[in-house]
Amino acid sequence: MSKIEVDFIKVTFDDSTIGAAQAALAEGEMSVFEAYETEYDLIHRPVFTWSDSEKQQSVGASRRAAVEVNCFGKIGW
């Protein structure tokens, strides 16, 4: 809760799998299929994303709001 209106909040995430996946791609020891799947996951399936309803939202003074984040689990990660 805040006594003033909030129209900006910065939340950051740290996905510890990105560095390992990028290193594995750089080493070049993966099969073509594994490399494609790993690269596709990095680009198109981020682990953390905002819920669609959270893109534009203001919180009025003395009000509460929930911030919804999606977490996508990956097998073996």
N, C-alpha and C. Protein backbone atom coordinates (compact mmCIF):
# COMPACT_ATOMS: atom_id res chain seq x y z
N MET A 1 0.84 -1.18 0.00
CA MET A 1 0.00 0.00 0.00
C MET A 1 0.88 1.24 0.00
N SER A 2 0.37 2.25 -0.65
CA SER A 2 1.12 3.50 -0.74
C SER A 2 0.17 4.66 -0.52
N LYS A 3 0.68 5.74 0.01
CA LYS A 3 -0.16 6.93 0.19
C LYS A 3 -0.28 7.72 -1.10
N ILE A 4 0.54 7.39 -2.09
CA ILE A 4 0.46 8.07 -3.39
C ILE A 4 0.18 7.03 -4.49
N GLU A 5 -0.31 7.52 -5.63
CA GLU A 5 -0.59 6.63 -6.76
C GLU A 5 0.72 6.10 -7.34
N VAL A 6 0.73 4.83 -7.68
CA VAL A 6 1.90 4.19 -8.28
C VAL A 6 1.55 3.81 -9.71
N ASP A 7 2.36 4.28 -10.67
CA ASP A 7 2.10 3.92 -12.06
C ASP A 7 3.32 3.28 -12.72
N PHE A 8 4.36 3.00 -11.93
CA PHE A 8 5.54 2.33 -12.46
C PHE A 8 6.15 1.45 -11.38
N ILE A 9 6.42 0.22 -11.74
CA ILE A 9 7.11 -0.68 -10.83
C ILE A 9 8.09 -1.49 -11.68
N LYS A 10 9.29 -1.65 -11.21
CA LYS A 10 10.29 -2.41 -11.93
C LYS A 10 10.58 -3.69 -11.16
N VAL A 11 10.32 -4.80 -11.79
CA VAL A 11 10.60 -6.10 -11.21
C VAL A 11 11.52 -6.82 -12.18
N THR A 12 12.61 -7.37 -11.69
CA THR A 12 13.53 -8.09 -12.55
C THR A 12 13.62 -9.55 -12.12
N PHE A 13 13.96 -10.41 -13.06
CA PHE A 13 14.06 -11.83 -12.81
C PHE A 13 15.44 -12.31 -13.23
N ASP A 14 15.90 -13.33 -12.58
CA ASP A 14 17.18 -13.94 -12.94
C ASP A 14 16.91 -15.40 -13.26
N ASP A 15 17.11 -15.77 -14.52
CA ASP A 15 16.93 -17.14 -14.96
C ASP A 15 18.32 -17.77 -15.05
N SER A 16 18.66 -18.59 -14.10
CA SER A 16 20.01 -19.17 -14.03
C SER A 16 20.28 -20.17 -15.15
N THR A 17 19.27 -20.54 -15.92
CA THR A 17 19.47 -21.51 -16.99
C THR A 17 19.99 -20.86 -18.27
N ILE A 18 19.82 -19.55 -18.43
CA ILE A 18 20.21 -18.89 -19.68
C ILE A 18 21.71 -18.99 -19.93
N GLY A 19 22.52 -18.71 -18.93
CA GLY A 19 23.96 -18.76 -19.10
C GLY A 19 24.45 -20.14 -19.49
N ALA A 20 23.92 -21.17 -18.83
CA ALA A 20 24.33 -22.54 -19.13
C ALA A 20 23.91 -22.93 -20.55
N ALA A 21 22.72 -22.53 -20.96
CA ALA A 21 22.24 -22.85 -22.31
C ALA A 21 23.08 -22.14 -23.36
N GLN A 22 23.40 -20.88 -23.13
CA GLN A 22 24.23 -20.13 -24.08
C GLN A 22 25.63 -20.73 -24.18
N ALA A 23 26.18 -21.15 -23.05
CA ALA A 23 27.52 -21.76 -23.06
C ALA A 23 27.49 -23.08 -23.83
N ALA A 24 26.45 -23.89 -23.62
CA ALA A 24 26.34 -25.16 -24.33
C ALA A 24 26.23 -24.94 -25.84
N LEU A 25 25.50 -23.90 -26.24
CA LEU A 25 25.40 -23.58 -27.67
C LEU A 25 26.75 -23.15 -28.23
N ALA A 26 27.47 -22.35 -27.47
CA ALA A 26 28.76 -21.82 -27.92
C ALA A 26 29.81 -22.93 -28.06
N GLU A 27 29.74 -23.95 -27.22
CA GLU A 27 30.71 -25.05 -27.28
C GLU A 27 30.57 -25.87 -28.56
N GLY A 28 29.36 -25.91 -29.12
CA GLY A 28 29.13 -26.60 -30.38
C GLY A 28 29.14 -28.12 -30.30
N GLU A 29 28.98 -28.68 -29.12
CA GLU A 29 29.00 -30.13 -28.96
C GLU A 29 27.61 -30.76 -28.94
N MET A 30 26.58 -29.95 -29.14
CA MET A 30 25.21 -30.47 -29.16
C MET A 30 24.86 -30.96 -30.56
N SER A 31 23.91 -31.89 -30.61
CA SER A 31 23.40 -32.31 -31.92
C SER A 31 22.62 -31.14 -32.52
N VAL A 32 22.37 -31.21 -33.80
CA VAL A 32 21.61 -30.14 -34.46
C VAL A 32 20.24 -29.99 -33.81
N PHE A 33 19.60 -31.12 -33.49
CA PHE A 33 18.28 -31.08 -32.85
C PHE A 33 18.35 -30.41 -31.49
N GLU A 34 19.32 -30.81 -30.65
CA GLU A 34 19.46 -30.22 -29.31
C GLU A 34 19.76 -28.72 -29.40
N ALA A 35 20.61 -28.34 -30.33
CA ALA A 35 20.94 -26.93 -30.50
C ALA A 35 19.71 -26.13 -30.91
N TYR A 36 18.93 -26.66 -31.84
CA TYR A 36 17.72 -25.97 -32.28
C TYR A 36 16.74 -25.81 -31.12
N GLU A 37 16.49 -26.89 -30.39
CA GLU A 37 15.55 -26.84 -29.27
C GLU A 37 16.01 -25.87 -28.19
N THR A 38 17.29 -25.88 -27.87
CA THR A 38 17.83 -24.98 -26.85
C THR A 38 17.70 -23.53 -27.29
N GLU A 39 18.06 -23.25 -28.54
CA GLU A 39 17.95 -21.89 -29.06
C GLU A 39 16.50 -21.43 -29.12
N TYR A 40 15.62 -22.32 -29.54
CA TYR A 40 14.18 -21.99 -29.60
C TYR A 40 13.65 -21.65 -28.21
N ASP A 41 14.01 -22.47 -27.21
CA ASP A 41 13.58 -22.21 -25.83
C ASP A 41 14.06 -20.86 -25.34
N LEU A 42 15.32 -20.52 -25.61
CA LEU A 42 15.86 -19.24 -25.16
C LEU A 42 15.09 -18.06 -25.74
N ILE A 43 14.71 -18.18 -27.00
CA ILE A 43 14.05 -17.07 -27.69
C ILE A 43 12.54 -17.04 -27.45
N HIS A 44 11.88 -18.19 -27.55
CA HIS A 44 10.42 -18.21 -27.58
C HIS A 44 9.74 -18.69 -26.30
N ARG A 45 10.49 -19.26 -25.38
CA ARG A 45 9.87 -19.78 -24.14
C ARG A 45 10.62 -19.28 -22.91
N PRO A 46 10.53 -17.99 -22.63
CA PRO A 46 11.22 -17.50 -21.43
C PRO A 46 10.63 -18.12 -20.17
N VAL A 47 11.45 -18.30 -19.17
CA VAL A 47 10.98 -18.90 -17.92
C VAL A 47 9.99 -17.99 -17.21
N PHE A 48 10.27 -16.69 -17.16
CA PHE A 48 9.38 -15.74 -16.49
C PHE A 48 8.78 -14.77 -17.50
N THR A 49 7.46 -14.58 -17.41
CA THR A 49 6.77 -13.59 -18.24
C THR A 49 5.68 -12.93 -17.40
N TRP A 50 5.32 -11.72 -17.79
CA TRP A 50 4.19 -11.05 -17.14
C TRP A 50 2.90 -11.66 -17.62
N SER A 51 1.92 -11.71 -16.75
CA SER A 51 0.58 -12.10 -17.15
C SER A 51 0.05 -11.03 -18.10
N ASP A 52 -0.76 -11.40 -19.08
CA ASP A 52 -1.29 -10.44 -20.04
C ASP A 52 -2.07 -9.32 -19.36
N SER A 53 -2.70 -9.61 -18.25
CA SER A 53 -3.49 -8.59 -17.56
C SER A 53 -2.62 -7.58 -16.81
N GLU A 54 -1.31 -7.83 -16.70
CA GLU A 54 -0.42 -6.98 -15.91
C GLU A 54 0.32 -5.93 -16.72
N LYS A 55 0.09 -5.85 -18.01
CA LYS A 55 0.89 -4.95 -18.85
C LYS A 55 0.68 -3.47 -18.51
N GLN A 56 -0.52 -3.04 -18.30
CA GLN A 56 -0.82 -1.64 -17.97
C GLN A 56 -1.72 -1.62 -16.75
N GLN A 57 -1.21 -1.10 -15.67
CA GLN A 57 -2.00 -1.06 -14.45
C GLN A 57 -1.49 0.05 -13.55
N SER A 58 -2.39 0.82 -12.97
CA SER A 58 -2.04 1.81 -11.97
C SER A 58 -2.63 1.39 -10.64
N VAL A 59 -1.96 1.78 -9.57
CA VAL A 59 -2.46 1.48 -8.24
C VAL A 59 -2.75 2.81 -7.57
N GLY A 60 -4.00 3.03 -7.26
CA GLY A 60 -4.41 4.28 -6.62
C GLY A 60 -3.86 4.40 -5.21
N ALA A 61 -3.86 5.62 -4.71
CA ALA A 61 -3.39 5.88 -3.34
C ALA A 61 -4.20 5.05 -2.35
N SER A 62 -3.52 4.47 -1.38
CA SER A 62 -4.11 3.64 -0.32
C SER A 62 -4.85 2.43 -0.88
N ARG A 63 -4.41 1.93 -2.03
CA ARG A 63 -4.99 0.74 -2.64
C ARG A 63 -3.94 -0.37 -2.70
N ARG A 64 -4.40 -1.58 -2.96
CA ARG A 64 -3.51 -2.73 -3.11
C ARG A 64 -3.67 -3.29 -4.51
N ALA A 65 -2.61 -3.92 -4.99
CA ALA A 65 -2.68 -4.59 -6.28
C ALA A 65 -1.76 -5.80 -6.24
N ALA A 66 -2.16 -6.83 -6.92
CA ALA A 66 -1.32 -8.02 -7.05
C ALA A 66 -0.62 -7.98 -8.39
N VAL A 67 0.62 -8.39 -8.41
CA VAL A 67 1.39 -8.47 -9.64
C VAL A 67 1.50 -9.96 -9.99
N GLU A 68 0.99 -10.33 -11.16
CA GLU A 68 0.96 -11.73 -11.55
C GLU A 68 2.05 -12.02 -12.58
N VAL A 69 2.85 -13.03 -12.28
CA VAL A 69 3.96 -13.42 -13.14
C VAL A 69 3.78 -14.90 -13.47
N ASN A 70 3.99 -15.26 -14.73
CA ASN A 70 3.94 -16.66 -15.14
C ASN A 70 5.34 -17.25 -15.03
N CYS A 71 5.42 -18.46 -14.55
CA CYS A 71 6.70 -19.18 -14.46
C CYS A 71 6.55 -20.49 -15.22
N PHE A 72 7.34 -20.63 -16.29
CA PHE A 72 7.26 -21.77 -17.17
C PHE A 72 8.35 -22.76 -16.80
N GLY A 73 7.96 -23.93 -16.32
CA GLY A 73 8.93 -24.94 -15.95
C GLY A 73 9.42 -25.71 -17.17
N LYS A 74 10.69 -26.07 -17.16
CA LYS A 74 11.27 -26.80 -18.28
C LYS A 74 11.86 -28.11 -17.75
N ILE A 75 11.62 -29.19 -18.45
CA ILE A 75 12.12 -30.49 -18.03
C ILE A 75 13.64 -30.47 -18.00
N GLY A 76 14.19 -30.90 -16.90
CA GLY A 76 15.64 -30.98 -16.75
C GLY A 76 16.32 -29.67 -16.42
N TRP A 77 15.58 -28.61 -16.18
CA TRP A 77 16.18 -27.30 -15.90
C TRP A 77 15.91 -26.94 -14.46
